[in-house]
Amino acid sequence: MRDTRPVELVVNLPEGLAEEVEEVRQTDPEFLSDVIVYGICRRTIFNELRKARREGATAPTT
């Protein structure tokens, strides 16, 4: 298992969605944690790929 530590997140969501997320947090917090980790990882990978593409597009050609 990798080393982990808790963090506090505050997110403003539309009221209906916030209620659903709160229900999941109470009934299956591990699932909610997995969903958040997945989303953050996906966003990080997307940003890294976009950054690499931009750097590749601006690199001088030989």
N, C-alpha and C. Protein backbone atom coordinates (compact mmCIF):
# COMPACT_ATOMS: atom_id res chain seq x y z
N MET A 1 0.85 -1.19 0.00
CA MET A 1 0.00 0.00 0.00
C MET A 1 0.89 1.24 0.00
N ARG A 2 0.51 2.23 -0.75
CA ARG A 2 1.27 3.47 -0.80
C ARG A 2 0.97 4.32 0.44
N ASP A 3 1.90 5.22 0.73
CA ASP A 3 1.68 6.13 1.85
C ASP A 3 0.60 7.12 1.48
N THR A 4 -0.29 7.38 2.39
CA THR A 4 -1.37 8.33 2.15
C THR A 4 -1.52 9.23 3.36
N ARG A 5 -2.21 10.33 3.14
CA ARG A 5 -2.58 11.20 4.26
C ARG A 5 -3.88 11.90 3.88
N PRO A 6 -4.71 12.18 4.85
CA PRO A 6 -6.00 12.80 4.56
C PRO A 6 -5.84 14.29 4.24
N VAL A 7 -6.75 14.80 3.43
CA VAL A 7 -6.84 16.23 3.14
C VAL A 7 -8.30 16.63 3.23
N GLU A 8 -8.54 17.88 3.51
CA GLU A 8 -9.89 18.42 3.56
C GLU A 8 -10.18 19.11 2.23
N LEU A 9 -11.29 18.78 1.62
CA LEU A 9 -11.73 19.42 0.39
C LEU A 9 -13.07 20.10 0.64
N VAL A 10 -13.21 21.29 0.12
CA VAL A 10 -14.48 21.99 0.15
C VAL A 10 -14.85 22.27 -1.30
N VAL A 11 -16.00 21.75 -1.72
CA VAL A 11 -16.43 21.89 -3.11
C VAL A 11 -17.86 22.41 -3.11
N ASN A 12 -18.11 23.43 -3.90
CA ASN A 12 -19.48 23.93 -4.05
C ASN A 12 -20.12 23.22 -5.23
N LEU A 13 -21.18 22.49 -4.94
CA LEU A 13 -21.89 21.72 -5.96
C LEU A 13 -23.34 22.19 -6.02
N PRO A 14 -23.99 21.95 -7.14
CA PRO A 14 -25.43 22.22 -7.18
C PRO A 14 -26.12 21.41 -6.08
N GLU A 15 -27.19 21.96 -5.54
CA GLU A 15 -27.83 21.39 -4.35
C GLU A 15 -28.19 19.92 -4.51
N GLY A 16 -28.80 19.54 -5.61
CA GLY A 16 -29.20 18.14 -5.81
C GLY A 16 -28.00 17.21 -5.84
N LEU A 17 -26.97 17.62 -6.53
CA LEU A 17 -25.76 16.81 -6.60
C LEU A 17 -25.08 16.73 -5.25
N ALA A 18 -25.05 17.84 -4.53
CA ALA A 18 -24.45 17.86 -3.20
C ALA A 18 -25.14 16.87 -2.28
N GLU A 19 -26.45 16.79 -2.37
CA GLU A 19 -27.20 15.84 -1.53
C GLU A 19 -26.83 14.40 -1.88
N GLU A 20 -26.69 14.11 -3.17
CA GLU A 20 -26.31 12.75 -3.58
C GLU A 20 -24.90 12.41 -3.11
N VAL A 21 -23.99 13.36 -3.26
CA VAL A 21 -22.61 13.12 -2.82
C VAL A 21 -22.57 12.90 -1.31
N GLU A 22 -23.31 13.68 -0.57
CA GLU A 22 -23.35 13.51 0.88
C GLU A 22 -23.90 12.13 1.25
N GLU A 23 -24.90 11.67 0.53
CA GLU A 23 -25.46 10.34 0.80
C GLU A 23 -24.41 9.26 0.55
N VAL A 24 -23.69 9.39 -0.57
CA VAL A 24 -22.63 8.41 -0.87
C VAL A 24 -21.53 8.49 0.19
N ARG A 25 -21.19 9.71 0.60
CA ARG A 25 -20.14 9.87 1.62
C ARG A 25 -20.51 9.14 2.91
N GLN A 26 -21.78 9.16 3.25
CA GLN A 26 -22.23 8.51 4.48
C GLN A 26 -22.36 7.00 4.31
N THR A 27 -22.78 6.54 3.14
CA THR A 27 -23.03 5.11 2.95
C THR A 27 -21.82 4.34 2.43
N ASP A 28 -20.96 4.99 1.63
CA ASP A 28 -19.81 4.29 1.05
C ASP A 28 -18.65 5.25 0.85
N PRO A 29 -18.03 5.69 1.94
CA PRO A 29 -16.97 6.69 1.82
C PRO A 29 -15.77 6.21 1.01
N GLU A 30 -15.49 4.91 1.03
CA GLU A 30 -14.35 4.40 0.25
C GLU A 30 -14.60 4.57 -1.25
N PHE A 31 -15.83 4.32 -1.69
CA PHE A 31 -16.17 4.51 -3.10
C PHE A 31 -16.00 5.98 -3.49
N LEU A 32 -16.50 6.88 -2.66
CA LEU A 32 -16.39 8.30 -2.95
C LEU A 32 -14.92 8.71 -3.03
N SER A 33 -14.11 8.21 -2.13
CA SER A 33 -12.68 8.48 -2.15
C SER A 33 -12.05 8.00 -3.46
N ASP A 34 -12.42 6.79 -3.87
CA ASP A 34 -11.89 6.24 -5.13
C ASP A 34 -12.29 7.10 -6.33
N VAL A 35 -13.52 7.58 -6.34
CA VAL A 35 -14.00 8.42 -7.44
C VAL A 35 -13.21 9.73 -7.48
N ILE A 36 -12.97 10.32 -6.34
CA ILE A 36 -12.23 11.58 -6.29
C ILE A 36 -10.78 11.36 -6.74
N VAL A 37 -10.14 10.31 -6.26
CA VAL A 37 -8.77 10.00 -6.67
C VAL A 37 -8.71 9.76 -8.18
N TYR A 38 -9.66 9.01 -8.71
CA TYR A 38 -9.71 8.76 -10.15
C TYR A 38 -9.81 10.07 -10.93
N GLY A 39 -10.70 10.94 -10.50
CA GLY A 39 -10.88 12.21 -11.19
C GLY A 39 -9.65 13.08 -11.15
N ILE A 40 -9.00 13.15 -10.00
CA ILE A 40 -7.79 13.95 -9.87
C ILE A 40 -6.66 13.37 -10.72
N CYS A 41 -6.51 12.05 -10.70
CA CYS A 41 -5.48 11.41 -11.53
C CYS A 41 -5.74 11.65 -13.01
N ARG A 42 -6.97 11.50 -13.42
CA ARG A 42 -7.31 11.71 -14.84
C ARG A 42 -7.00 13.14 -15.26
N ARG A 43 -7.36 14.09 -14.44
CA ARG A 43 -7.10 15.51 -14.74
C ARG A 43 -5.60 15.78 -14.80
N THR A 44 -4.84 15.20 -13.87
CA THR A 44 -3.40 15.39 -13.85
C THR A 44 -2.75 14.82 -15.11
N ILE A 45 -3.16 13.63 -15.50
CA ILE A 45 -2.63 13.02 -16.72
C ILE A 45 -2.98 13.87 -17.93
N PHE A 46 -4.20 14.33 -18.03
CA PHE A 46 -4.63 15.19 -19.14
C PHE A 46 -3.76 16.45 -19.20
N ASN A 47 -3.55 17.09 -18.06
CA ASN A 47 -2.73 18.31 -18.03
C ASN A 47 -1.30 18.03 -18.45
N GLU A 48 -0.73 16.92 -18.00
CA GLU A 48 0.64 16.57 -18.38
C GLU A 48 0.75 16.29 -19.88
N LEU A 49 -0.22 15.58 -20.44
CA LEU A 49 -0.20 15.31 -21.87
C LEU A 49 -0.36 16.59 -22.68
N ARG A 50 -1.23 17.47 -22.23
CA ARG A 50 -1.42 18.75 -22.92
C ARG A 50 -0.15 19.58 -22.85
N LYS A 51 0.49 19.59 -21.70
CA LYS A 51 1.74 20.34 -21.53
C LYS A 51 2.83 19.77 -22.45
N ALA A 52 2.95 18.46 -22.50
CA ALA A 52 3.96 17.82 -23.36
C ALA A 52 3.69 18.12 -24.83
N ARG A 53 2.43 18.12 -25.21
CA ARG A 53 2.08 18.41 -26.61
C ARG A 53 2.44 19.85 -26.95
N ARG A 54 2.14 20.77 -26.04
CA ARG A 54 2.48 22.18 -26.30
C ARG A 54 3.99 22.36 -26.40
N GLU A 55 4.73 21.73 -25.50
CA GLU A 55 6.18 21.85 -25.53
C GLU A 55 6.75 21.21 -26.79
N GLY A 56 6.14 20.12 -27.22
CA GLY A 56 6.59 19.46 -28.46
C GLY A 56 6.30 20.31 -29.68
N ALA A 57 5.19 21.04 -29.65
CA ALA A 57 4.81 21.88 -30.78
C ALA A 57 5.70 23.11 -30.88
N THR A 58 6.26 23.57 -29.77
CA THR A 58 7.08 24.77 -29.79
C THR A 58 8.57 24.45 -29.85
N ALA A 59 8.91 23.16 -29.76
CA ALA A 59 10.33 22.78 -29.82
C ALA A 59 10.86 22.99 -31.23
N PRO A 60 12.09 23.44 -31.35
CA PRO A 60 12.66 23.65 -32.69
C PRO A 60 12.84 22.32 -33.40
N THR A 61 12.62 22.33 -34.69
CA THR A 61 12.80 21.12 -35.50
C THR A 61 14.18 21.16 -36.11
N THR A 62 14.75 19.97 -36.31
CA THR A 62 16.09 19.90 -36.89
C THR A 62 16.06 19.29 -38.26
